[in-house]
Amino acid sequence: VIGPNANDAEVLLGNYNGEPKHIVTPLEGIQKAFSNTNV
């Protein structure tokens, strides 16, 4: 998993946004989904 937006939580919120308890980045999402893969 490569790239400048892979682990940037802020980018996901766009603008005019609230503050959720947790933001799932692409990297975190992929790591959880592919738990049997070396990510």
Full PDB file with SEQRES, HELIX, SHEET, SSBOND, CRYST1, ORIGX, SCALE, CONECT and MASTER records, all heavy atoms in Angstrom:
SEQRES   1 A   39  VAL ILE GLY PRO ASN ALA ASN ASP ALA GLU VAL LEU LEU          
SEQRES   2 A   39  GLY ASN TYR ASN GLY GLU PRO LYS HIS ILE VAL THR PRO          
SEQRES   3 A   39  LEU GLU GLY ILE GLN LYS ALA PHE SER ASN THR ASN VAL          
HELIX    1 AA1 GLU A   10  LEU A   13  5                                   4    
HELIX    2 AA2 PRO A   26  ALA A   33  1                                   8    
CRYST1    1.000    1.000    1.000  90.00  90.00  90.00 P 1           1          
ORIGX1      1.000000  0.000000  0.000000        0.00000                         
ORIGX2      0.000000  1.000000  0.000000        0.00000                         
ORIGX3      0.000000  0.000000  1.000000        0.00000                         
SCALE1      1.000000  0.000000  0.000000        0.00000                         
SCALE2      0.000000  1.000000  0.000000        0.00000                         
SCALE3      0.000000  0.000000  1.000000        0.00000                         
ATOM      1  N   VAL A   1       0.872  -1.181   0.000  1.00  0.00           N  
ATOM      2  CA  VAL A   1       0.000   0.000   0.000  1.00  0.00           C  
ATOM      3  C   VAL A   1       0.904   1.223   0.000  1.00  0.00           C  
ATOM      4  O   VAL A   1       1.683   1.443   0.927  1.00  0.00           O  
ATOM      5  CB  VAL A   1      -0.938   0.008   1.223  1.00  0.00           C  
ATOM      6  CG1 VAL A   1      -1.782   1.280   1.233  1.00  0.00           C  
ATOM      7  CG2 VAL A   1      -1.838  -1.226   1.216  1.00  0.00           C  
ATOM      8  N   ILE A   2       0.794   2.013  -1.049  1.00  0.00           N  
ATOM      9  CA  ILE A   2       1.697   3.133  -1.275  1.00  0.00           C  
ATOM     10  C   ILE A   2       0.866   4.361  -1.634  1.00  0.00           C  
ATOM     11  O   ILE A   2      -0.190   4.246  -2.253  1.00  0.00           O  
ATOM     12  CB  ILE A   2       2.675   2.806  -2.432  1.00  0.00           C  
ATOM     13  CG1 ILE A   2       3.571   1.617  -2.050  1.00  0.00           C  
ATOM     14  CG2 ILE A   2       3.523   4.017  -2.825  1.00  0.00           C  
ATOM     15  CD1 ILE A   2       4.326   1.011  -3.223  1.00  0.00           C  
ATOM     16  N   GLY A   3       1.356   5.531  -1.242  1.00  0.00           N  
ATOM     17  CA  GLY A   3       0.712   6.755  -1.708  1.00  0.00           C  
ATOM     18  C   GLY A   3       0.458   7.772  -0.622  1.00  0.00           C  
ATOM     19  O   GLY A   3       0.284   7.435   0.556  1.00  0.00           O  
ATOM     20  N   PRO A   4       0.419   9.047  -0.987  1.00  0.00           N  
ATOM     21  CA  PRO A   4       0.321  10.131  -0.006  1.00  0.00           C  
ATOM     22  C   PRO A   4      -1.004  10.198   0.741  1.00  0.00           C  
ATOM     23  O   PRO A   4      -1.064  10.807   1.814  1.00  0.00           O  
ATOM     24  CB  PRO A   4       0.536  11.388  -0.861  1.00  0.00           C  
ATOM     25  CG  PRO A   4       0.125  10.990  -2.244  1.00  0.00           C  
ATOM     26  CD  PRO A   4       0.525   9.558  -2.370  1.00  0.00           C  
ATOM     27  N   ASN A   5      -2.060   9.620   0.195  1.00  0.00           N  
ATOM     28  CA  ASN A   5      -3.355   9.658   0.877  1.00  0.00           C  
ATOM     29  C   ASN A   5      -3.701   8.359   1.600  1.00  0.00           C  
ATOM     30  O   ASN A   5      -4.788   8.235   2.164  1.00  0.00           O  
ATOM     31  CB  ASN A   5      -4.470   9.995  -0.115  1.00  0.00           C  
ATOM     32  CG  ASN A   5      -4.479  11.465  -0.493  1.00  0.00           C  
ATOM     33  OD1 ASN A   5      -4.000  12.310   0.263  1.00  0.00           O  
ATOM     34  ND2 ASN A   5      -5.011  11.783  -1.661  1.00  0.00           N  
ATOM     35  N   ALA A   6      -2.759   7.405   1.592  1.00  0.00           N  
ATOM     36  CA  ALA A   6      -3.058   6.096   2.166  1.00  0.00           C  
ATOM     37  C   ALA A   6      -3.283   6.142   3.670  1.00  0.00           C  
ATOM     38  O   ALA A   6      -4.103   5.390   4.206  1.00  0.00           O  
ATOM     39  CB  ALA A   6      -1.932   5.109   1.842  1.00  0.00           C  
ATOM     40  N   ASN A   7      -2.570   7.018   4.344  1.00  0.00           N  
ATOM     41  CA  ASN A   7      -2.676   7.039   5.803  1.00  0.00           C  
ATOM     42  C   ASN A   7      -2.898   8.458   6.324  1.00  0.00           C  
ATOM     43  O   ASN A   7      -2.474   8.806   7.416  1.00  0.00           O  
ATOM     44  CB  ASN A   7      -1.411   6.439   6.434  1.00  0.00           C  
ATOM     45  CG  ASN A   7      -1.654   5.975   7.862  1.00  0.00           C  
ATOM     46  OD1 ASN A   7      -2.753   5.525   8.205  1.00  0.00           O  
ATOM     47  ND2 ASN A   7      -0.644   6.078   8.698  1.00  0.00           N  
ATOM     48  N   ASP A   8      -3.598   9.280   5.542  1.00  0.00           N  
ATOM     49  CA  ASP A   8      -3.890  10.659   5.911  1.00  0.00           C  
ATOM     50  C   ASP A   8      -5.369  10.751   6.306  1.00  0.00           C  
ATOM     51  O   ASP A   8      -6.258  10.744   5.458  1.00  0.00           O  
ATOM     52  CB  ASP A   8      -3.598  11.591   4.733  1.00  0.00           C  
ATOM     53  CG  ASP A   8      -3.696  13.066   5.101  1.00  0.00           C  
ATOM     54  OD1 ASP A   8      -4.455  13.399   6.041  1.00  0.00           O  
ATOM     55  OD2 ASP A   8      -3.034  13.891   4.445  1.00  0.00           O  
ATOM     56  N   ALA A   9      -5.617  10.834   7.608  1.00  0.00           N  
ATOM     57  CA  ALA A   9      -7.002  10.833   8.096  1.00  0.00           C  
ATOM     58  C   ALA A   9      -7.736  12.118   7.731  1.00  0.00           C  
ATOM     59  O   ALA A   9      -8.920  12.095   7.385  1.00  0.00           O  
ATOM     60  CB  ALA A   9      -7.015  10.639   9.614  1.00  0.00           C  
ATOM     61  N   GLU A  10      -7.044  13.231   7.790  1.00  0.00           N  
ATOM     62  CA  GLU A  10      -7.684  14.533   7.577  1.00  0.00           C  
ATOM     63  C   GLU A  10      -8.295  14.662   6.188  1.00  0.00           C  
ATOM     64  O   GLU A  10      -9.362  15.261   6.005  1.00  0.00           O  
ATOM     65  CB  GLU A  10      -6.666  15.656   7.801  1.00  0.00           C  
ATOM     66  CG  GLU A  10      -7.264  17.052   7.706  1.00  0.00           C  
ATOM     67  CD  GLU A  10      -6.222  18.145   7.843  1.00  0.00           C  
ATOM     68  OE1 GLU A  10      -5.018  17.818   7.939  1.00  0.00           O  
ATOM     69  OE2 GLU A  10      -6.611  19.321   7.840  1.00  0.00           O  
ATOM     70  N   VAL A  11      -7.627  14.102   5.196  1.00  0.00           N  
ATOM     71  CA  VAL A  11      -8.094  14.219   3.816  1.00  0.00           C  
ATOM     72  C   VAL A  11      -9.499  13.649   3.653  1.00  0.00           C  
ATOM     73  O   VAL A  11     -10.319  14.168   2.891  1.00  0.00           O  
ATOM     74  CB  VAL A  11      -7.101  13.513   2.862  1.00  0.00           C  
ATOM     75  CG1 VAL A  11      -7.699  13.343   1.468  1.00  0.00           C  
ATOM     76  CG2 VAL A  11      -5.804  14.297   2.780  1.00  0.00           C  
ATOM     77  N   LEU A  12      -9.812  12.592   4.377  1.00  0.00           N  
ATOM     78  CA  LEU A  12     -11.107  11.925   4.247  1.00  0.00           C  
ATOM     79  C   LEU A  12     -12.281  12.808   4.645  1.00  0.00           C  
ATOM     80  O   LEU A  12     -13.409  12.578   4.202  1.00  0.00           O  
ATOM     81  CB  LEU A  12     -11.125  10.648   5.097  1.00  0.00           C  
ATOM     82  CG  LEU A  12     -10.277   9.498   4.557  1.00  0.00           C  
ATOM     83  CD1 LEU A  12      -9.844   8.577   5.674  1.00  0.00           C  
ATOM     84  CD2 LEU A  12     -11.048   8.729   3.502  1.00  0.00           C  
ATOM     85  N   LEU A  13     -12.037  13.812   5.476  1.00  0.00           N  
ATOM     86  CA  LEU A  13     -13.133  14.618   6.017  1.00  0.00           C  
ATOM     87  C   LEU A  13     -13.569  15.749   5.092  1.00  0.00           C  
ATOM     88  O   LEU A  13     -14.583  16.409   5.368  1.00  0.00           O  
ATOM     89  CB  LEU A  13     -12.732  15.195   7.380  1.00  0.00           C  
ATOM     90  CG  LEU A  13     -12.425  14.169   8.471  1.00  0.00           C  
ATOM     91  CD1 LEU A  13     -12.135  14.877   9.786  1.00  0.00           C  
ATOM     92  CD2 LEU A  13     -13.555  13.169   8.643  1.00  0.00           C  
ATOM     93  N   GLY A  14     -12.850  15.977   3.996  1.00  0.00           N  
ATOM     94  CA  GLY A  14     -13.252  17.055   3.093  1.00  0.00           C  
ATOM     95  C   GLY A  14     -13.156  18.398   3.786  1.00  0.00           C  
ATOM     96  O   GLY A  14     -12.153  18.740   4.401  1.00  0.00           O  
ATOM     97  N   ASN A  15     -14.233  19.195   3.714  1.00  0.00           N  
ATOM     98  CA  ASN A  15     -14.271  20.457   4.451  1.00  0.00           C  
ATOM     99  C   ASN A  15     -15.644  20.622   5.081  1.00  0.00           C  
ATOM    100  O   ASN A  15     -16.531  19.797   4.899  1.00  0.00           O  
ATOM    101  CB  ASN A  15     -13.908  21.645   3.554  1.00  0.00           C  
ATOM    102  CG  ASN A  15     -14.939  21.929   2.474  1.00  0.00           C  
ATOM    103  OD1 ASN A  15     -15.916  21.218   2.296  1.00  0.00           O  
ATOM    104  ND2 ASN A  15     -14.718  22.984   1.720  1.00  0.00           N  
ATOM    105  N   TYR A  16     -15.823  21.675   5.857  1.00  0.00           N  
ATOM    106  CA  TYR A  16     -17.061  21.874   6.618  1.00  0.00           C  
ATOM    107  C   TYR A  16     -17.453  20.570   7.326  1.00  0.00           C  
ATOM    108  O   TYR A  16     -18.556  20.057   7.160  1.00  0.00           O  
ATOM    109  CB  TYR A  16     -18.185  22.349   5.700  1.00  0.00           C  
ATOM    110  CG  TYR A  16     -18.060  23.789   5.280  1.00  0.00           C  
ATOM    111  CD1 TYR A  16     -17.585  24.127   4.021  1.00  0.00           C  
ATOM    112  CD2 TYR A  16     -18.404  24.823   6.147  1.00  0.00           C  
ATOM    113  CE1 TYR A  16     -17.458  25.460   3.627  1.00  0.00           C  
ATOM    114  CE2 TYR A  16     -18.289  26.148   5.765  1.00  0.00           C  
ATOM    115  CZ  TYR A  16     -17.814  26.460   4.504  1.00  0.00           C  
ATOM    116  OH  TYR A  16     -17.693  27.781   4.126  1.00  0.00           O  
ATOM    117  N   ASN A  17     -16.549  20.058   8.119  1.00  0.00           N  
ATOM    118  CA  ASN A  17     -16.726  18.735   8.713  1.00  0.00           C  
ATOM    119  C   ASN A  17     -16.786  18.778  10.228  1.00  0.00           C  
ATOM    120  O   ASN A  17     -16.322  19.727  10.863  1.00  0.00           O  
ATOM    121  CB  ASN A  17     -15.571  17.824   8.305  1.00  0.00           C  
ATOM    122  CG  ASN A  17     -14.216  18.399   8.693  1.00  0.00           C  
ATOM    123  OD1 ASN A  17     -13.682  19.248   7.997  1.00  0.00           O  
ATOM    124  ND2 ASN A  17     -13.676  17.937   9.812  1.00  0.00           N  
ATOM    125  N   GLY A  18     -17.368  17.731  10.806  1.00  0.00           N  
ATOM    126  CA  GLY A  18     -17.347  17.534  12.239  1.00  0.00           C  
ATOM    127  C   GLY A  18     -16.118  16.741  12.656  1.00  0.00           C  
ATOM    128  O   GLY A  18     -15.211  16.496  11.850  1.00  0.00           O  
ATOM    129  N   GLU A  19     -16.102  16.340  13.911  1.00  0.00           N  
ATOM    130  CA  GLU A  19     -14.954  15.614  14.459  1.00  0.00           C  
ATOM    131  C   GLU A  19     -15.414  14.264  14.998  1.00  0.00           C  
ATOM    132  O   GLU A  19     -15.826  14.158  16.153  1.00  0.00           O  
ATOM    133  CB  GLU A  19     -14.294  16.443  15.565  1.00  0.00           C  
ATOM    134  CG  GLU A  19     -13.762  17.786  15.081  1.00  0.00           C  
ATOM    135  CD  GLU A  19     -13.295  18.686  16.217  1.00  0.00           C  
ATOM    136  OE1 GLU A  19     -13.094  18.171  17.338  1.00  0.00           O  
ATOM    137  OE2 GLU A  19     -13.145  19.897  15.978  1.00  0.00           O  
ATOM    138  N   PRO A  20     -15.380  13.234  14.172  1.00  0.00           N  
ATOM    139  CA  PRO A  20     -15.819  11.907  14.622  1.00  0.00           C  
ATOM    140  C   PRO A  20     -14.851  11.301  15.630  1.00  0.00           C  
ATOM    141  O   PRO A  20     -13.709  11.746  15.762  1.00  0.00           O  
ATOM    142  CB  PRO A  20     -15.846  11.096  13.324  1.00  0.00           C  
ATOM    143  CG  PRO A  20     -14.843  11.768  12.443  1.00  0.00           C  
ATOM    144  CD  PRO A  20     -14.915  13.232  12.782  1.00  0.00           C  
ATOM    145  N   LYS A  21     -15.335  10.267  16.330  1.00  0.00           N  
ATOM    146  CA  LYS A  21     -14.486   9.612  17.330  1.00  0.00           C  
ATOM    147  C   LYS A  21     -13.253   8.986  16.695  1.00  0.00           C  
ATOM    148  O   LYS A  21     -12.167   8.993  17.268  1.00  0.00           O  
ATOM    149  CB  LYS A  21     -15.298   8.538  18.063  1.00  0.00           C  
ATOM    150  CG  LYS A  21     -16.426   9.084  18.922  1.00  0.00           C  
ATOM    151  CD  LYS A  21     -17.339   7.963  19.402  1.00  0.00           C  
ATOM    152  CE  LYS A  21     -18.555   8.534  20.123  1.00  0.00           C  
ATOM    153  NZ  LYS A  21     -19.593   7.515  20.387  1.00  0.00           N  
ATOM    154  N   HIS A  22     -13.432   8.433  15.493  1.00  0.00           N  
ATOM    155  CA  HIS A  22     -12.315   7.753  14.838  1.00  0.00           C  
ATOM    156  C   HIS A  22     -12.488   7.832  13.331  1.00  0.00           C  
ATOM    157  O   HIS A  22     -13.600   7.732  12.820  1.00  0.00           O  
ATOM    158  CB  HIS A  22     -12.244   6.286  15.273  1.00  0.00           C  
ATOM    159  CG  HIS A  22     -11.121   5.527  14.632  1.00  0.00           C  
ATOM    160  ND1 HIS A  22      -9.805   5.786  14.915  1.00  0.00           N  
ATOM    161  CD2 HIS A  22     -11.124   4.534  13.702  1.00  0.00           C  
ATOM    162  CE1 HIS A  22      -9.033   4.976  14.192  1.00  0.00           C  
ATOM    163  NE2 HIS A  22      -9.807   4.218  13.449  1.00  0.00           N  
ATOM    164  N   ILE A  23     -11.384   8.012  12.620  1.00  0.00           N  
ATOM    165  CA  ILE A  23     -11.379   8.055  11.157  1.00  0.00           C  
ATOM    166  C   ILE A  23     -10.607   6.842  10.654  1.00  0.00           C  
ATOM    167  O   ILE A  23      -9.463   6.617  11.061  1.00  0.00           O  
ATOM    168  CB  ILE A  23     -10.712   9.346  10.647  1.00  0.00           C  
ATOM    169  CG1 ILE A  23     -11.426  10.586  11.211  1.00  0.00           C  
ATOM    170  CG2 ILE A  23     -10.704   9.381   9.122  1.00  0.00           C  
ATOM    171  CD1 ILE A  23     -10.605  11.861  11.075  1.00  0.00           C  
ATOM    172  N   VAL A  24     -11.227   6.063   9.793  1.00  0.00           N  
ATOM    173  CA  VAL A  24     -10.566   4.883   9.238  1.00  0.00           C  
ATOM    174  C   VAL A  24      -9.879   5.274   7.931  1.00  0.00           C  
ATOM    175  O   VAL A  24     -10.551   5.571   6.932  1.00  0.00           O  
ATOM    176  CB  VAL A  24     -11.568   3.741   8.983  1.00  0.00           C  
ATOM    177  CG1 VAL A  24     -10.835   2.517   8.423  1.00  0.00           C  
ATOM    178  CG2 VAL A  24     -12.306   3.380  10.260  1.00  0.00           C  
ATOM    179  N   THR A  25      -8.560   5.288   7.930  1.00  0.00           N  
ATOM    180  CA  THR A  25      -7.811   5.609   6.714  1.00  0.00           C  
ATOM    181  C   THR A  25      -7.826   4.413   5.761  1.00  0.00           C  
ATOM    182  O   THR A  25      -8.108   3.272   6.172  1.00  0.00           O  
ATOM    183  CB  THR A  25      -6.354   5.958   7.042  1.00  0.00           C  
ATOM    184  OG1 THR A  25      -5.716   4.782   7.570  1.00  0.00           O  
ATOM    185  CG2 THR A  25      -6.264   7.108   8.036  1.00  0.00           C  
ATOM    186  N   PRO A  26      -7.489   4.625   4.487  1.00  0.00           N  
ATOM    187  CA  PRO A  26      -7.373   3.483   3.574  1.00  0.00           C  
ATOM    188  C   PRO A  26      -6.418   2.405   4.081  1.00  0.00           C  
ATOM    189  O   PRO A  26      -6.719   1.211   3.983  1.00  0.00           O  
ATOM    190  CB  PRO A  26      -6.860   4.137   2.289  1.00  0.00           C  
ATOM    191  CG  PRO A  26      -7.448   5.515   2.325  1.00  0.00           C  
ATOM    192  CD  PRO A  26      -7.377   5.916   3.777  1.00  0.00           C  
ATOM    193  N   LEU A  27      -5.287   2.827   4.643  1.00  0.00           N  
ATOM    194  CA  LEU A  27      -4.323   1.842   5.148  1.00  0.00           C  
ATOM    195  C   LEU A  27      -4.937   1.014   6.263  1.00  0.00           C  
ATOM    196  O   LEU A  27      -4.847  -0.227   6.254  1.00  0.00           O  
ATOM    197  CB  LEU A  27      -3.060   2.547   5.643  1.00  0.00           C  
ATOM    198  CG  LEU A  27      -2.007   1.623   6.269  1.00  0.00           C  
ATOM    199  CD1 LEU A  27      -1.492   0.623   5.260  1.00  0.00           C  
ATOM    200  CD2 LEU A  27      -0.854   2.451   6.856  1.00  0.00           C  
ATOM    201  N   GLU A  28      -5.578   1.674   7.220  1.00  0.00           N  
ATOM    202  CA  GLU A  28      -6.183   0.932   8.329  1.00  0.00           C  
ATOM    203  C   GLU A  28      -7.273  -0.013   7.821  1.00  0.00           C  
ATOM    204  O   GLU A  28      -7.368  -1.171   8.256  1.00  0.00           O  
ATOM    205  CB  GLU A  28      -6.778   1.891   9.358  1.00  0.00           C  
ATOM    206  CG  GLU A  28      -7.399   1.176  10.560  1.00  0.00           C  
ATOM    207  CD  GLU A  28      -8.107   2.097  11.527  1.00  0.00           C  
ATOM    208  OE1 GLU A  28      -7.819   3.314  11.521  1.00  0.00           O  
ATOM    209  OE2 GLU A  28      -8.952   1.599  12.289  1.00  0.00           O  
ATOM    210  N   GLY A  29      -8.086   0.468   6.910  1.00  0.00           N  
ATOM    211  CA  GLY A  29      -9.149  -0.374   6.365  1.00  0.00           C  
ATOM    212  C   GLY A  29      -8.609  -1.601   5.665  1.00  0.00           C  
ATOM    213  O   GLY A  29      -9.112  -2.717   5.858  1.00  0.00           O  
ATOM    214  N   ILE A  30      -7.566  -1.402   4.869  1.00  0.00           N  
ATOM    215  CA  ILE A  30      -6.967  -2.524   4.132  1.00  0.00           C  
ATOM    216  C   ILE A  30      -6.299  -3.507   5.089  1.00  0.00           C  
ATOM    217  O   ILE A  30      -6.414  -4.735   4.944  1.00  0.00           O  
ATOM    218  CB  ILE A  30      -5.967  -1.989   3.086  1.00  0.00           C  
ATOM    219  CG1 ILE A  30      -6.723  -1.257   1.971  1.00  0.00           C  
ATOM    220  CG2 ILE A  30      -5.124  -3.117   2.499  1.00  0.00           C  
ATOM    221  CD1 ILE A  30      -5.834  -0.448   1.044  1.00  0.00           C  
ATOM    222  N   GLN A  31      -5.607  -2.995   6.093  1.00  0.00           N  
ATOM    223  CA  GLN A  31      -4.947  -3.886   7.062  1.00  0.00           C  
ATOM    224  C   GLN A  31      -5.954  -4.772   7.780  1.00  0.00           C  
ATOM    225  O   GLN A  31      -5.705  -5.967   8.009  1.00  0.00           O  
ATOM    226  CB  GLN A  31      -4.154  -3.056   8.073  1.00  0.00           C  
ATOM    227  CG  GLN A  31      -2.880  -2.447   7.499  1.00  0.00           C  
ATOM    228  CD  GLN A  31      -2.212  -1.473   8.447  1.00  0.00           C  
ATOM    229  OE1 GLN A  31      -2.878  -0.822   9.261  1.00  0.00           O  
ATOM    230  NE2 GLN A  31      -0.894  -1.342   8.354  1.00  0.00           N  
ATOM    231  N   LYS A  32      -7.104  -4.212   8.136  1.00  0.00           N  
ATOM    232  CA  LYS A  32      -8.127  -5.000   8.825  1.00  0.00           C  
ATOM    233  C   LYS A  32      -8.775  -6.014   7.895  1.00  0.00           C  
ATOM    234  O   LYS A  32      -9.025  -7.167   8.268  1.00  0.00           O  
ATOM    235  CB  LYS A  32      -9.189  -4.078   9.420  1.00  0.00           C  
ATOM    236  CG  LYS A  32      -8.726  -3.324  10.651  1.00  0.00           C  
ATOM    237  CD  LYS A  32      -9.853  -2.495  11.261  1.00  0.00           C  
ATOM    238  CE  LYS A  32      -9.385  -1.782  12.527  1.00  0.00           C  
ATOM    239  NZ  LYS A  32     -10.456  -0.933  13.110  1.00  0.00           N  
ATOM    240  N   ALA A  33      -9.079  -5.593   6.673  1.00  0.00           N  
ATOM    241  CA  ALA A  33      -9.760  -6.486   5.734  1.00  0.00           C  
ATOM    242  C   ALA A  33      -8.850  -7.626   5.276  1.00  0.00           C  
ATOM    243  O   ALA A  33      -9.300  -8.759   5.098  1.00  0.00           O  
ATOM    244  CB  ALA A  33     -10.259  -5.693   4.528  1.00  0.00           C  
ATOM    245  N   PHE A  34      -7.571  -7.305   5.080  1.00  0.00           N  
ATOM    246  CA  PHE A  34      -6.609  -8.303   4.601  1.00  0.00           C  
ATOM    247  C   PHE A  34      -5.734  -8.767   5.761  1.00  0.00           C  
ATOM    248  O   PHE A  34      -4.508  -8.683   5.721  1.00  0.00           O  
ATOM    249  CB  PHE A  34      -5.750  -7.709   3.473  1.00  0.00           C  
ATOM    250  CG  PHE A  34      -6.513  -7.438   2.209  1.00  0.00           C  
ATOM    251  CD1 PHE A  34      -7.188  -6.240   2.041  1.00  0.00           C  
ATOM    252  CD2 PHE A  34      -6.574  -8.384   1.194  1.00  0.00           C  
ATOM    253  CE1 PHE A  34      -7.898  -5.979   0.878  1.00  0.00           C  
ATOM    254  CE2 PHE A  34      -7.285  -8.136   0.027  1.00  0.00           C  
ATOM    255  CZ  PHE A  34      -7.955  -6.930  -0.137  1.00  0.00           C  
ATOM    256  N   SER A  35      -6.385  -9.277   6.797  1.00  0.00           N  
ATOM    257  CA  SER A  35      -5.670  -9.643   8.027  1.00  0.00           C  
ATOM    258  C   SER A  35      -4.744 -10.842   7.834  1.00  0.00           C  
ATOM    259  O   SER A  35      -3.803 -11.034   8.617  1.00  0.00           O  
ATOM    260  CB  SER A  35      -6.673  -9.940   9.154  1.00  0.00           C  
ATOM    261  OG  SER A  35      -7.577 -10.955   8.748  1.00  0.00           O  
ATOM    262  N   ASN A  36      -4.981 -11.639   6.796  1.00  0.00           N  
ATOM    263  CA  ASN A  36      -4.122 -12.803   6.535  1.00  0.00           C  
ATOM    264  C   ASN A  36      -3.057 -12.518   5.478  1.00  0.00           C  
ATOM    265  O   ASN A  36      -2.365 -13.433   5.029  1.00  0.00           O  
ATOM    266  CB  ASN A  36      -4.976 -13.990   6.089  1.00  0.00           C  
ATOM    267  CG  ASN A  36      -5.920 -14.453   7.188  1.00  0.00           C  
ATOM    268  OD1 ASN A  36      -5.547 -14.467   8.359  1.00  0.00           O  
ATOM    269  ND2 ASN A  36      -7.135 -14.813   6.816  1.00  0.00           N  
ATOM    270  N   THR A  37      -2.962 -11.263   5.084  1.00  0.00           N  
ATOM    271  CA  THR A  37      -1.996 -10.844   4.063  1.00  0.00           C  
ATOM    272  C   THR A  37      -0.926  -9.964   4.710  1.00  0.00           C  
ATOM    273  O   THR A  37      -1.220  -9.192   5.621  1.00  0.00           O  
ATOM    274  CB  THR A  37      -2.709 -10.037   2.952  1.00  0.00           C  
ATOM    275  OG1 THR A  37      -3.726 -10.849   2.372  1.00  0.00           O  
ATOM    276  CG2 THR A  37      -1.740  -9.594   1.871  1.00  0.00           C  
ATOM    277  N   ASN A  38       0.289 -10.083   4.255  1.00  0.00           N  
ATOM    278  CA  ASN A  38       1.358  -9.193   4.708  1.00  0.00           C  
ATOM    279  C   ASN A  38       1.189  -7.854   3.986  1.00  0.00           C  
ATOM    280  O   ASN A  38       1.575  -7.704   2.822  1.00  0.00           O  
ATOM    281  CB  ASN A  38       2.727  -9.803   4.403  1.00  0.00           C  
ATOM    282  CG  ASN A  38       3.869  -8.878   4.810  1.00  0.00           C  
ATOM    283  OD1 ASN A  38       3.676  -7.926   5.571  1.00  0.00           O  
ATOM    284  ND2 ASN A  38       5.063  -9.147   4.286  1.00  0.00           N  
ATOM    285  N   VAL A  39       0.593  -6.878   4.691  1.00  0.00           N  
ATOM    286  CA  VAL A  39       0.353  -5.556   4.112  1.00  0.00           C  
ATOM    287  C   VAL A  39       1.520  -4.645   4.480  1.00  0.00           C  
ATOM    288  O   VAL A  39       1.725  -4.329   5.653  1.00  0.00           O  
ATOM    289  CB  VAL A  39      -0.979  -4.952   4.607  1.00  0.00           C  
ATOM    290  CG1 VAL A  39      -1.169  -3.544   4.040  1.00  0.00           C  
ATOM    291  CG2 VAL A  39      -2.152  -5.848   4.223  1.00  0.00           C  
TER     292      VAL A  39                                                      
MASTER        0    0    0    2    0    0    0    6  291    1    0    3          
END                                                                             
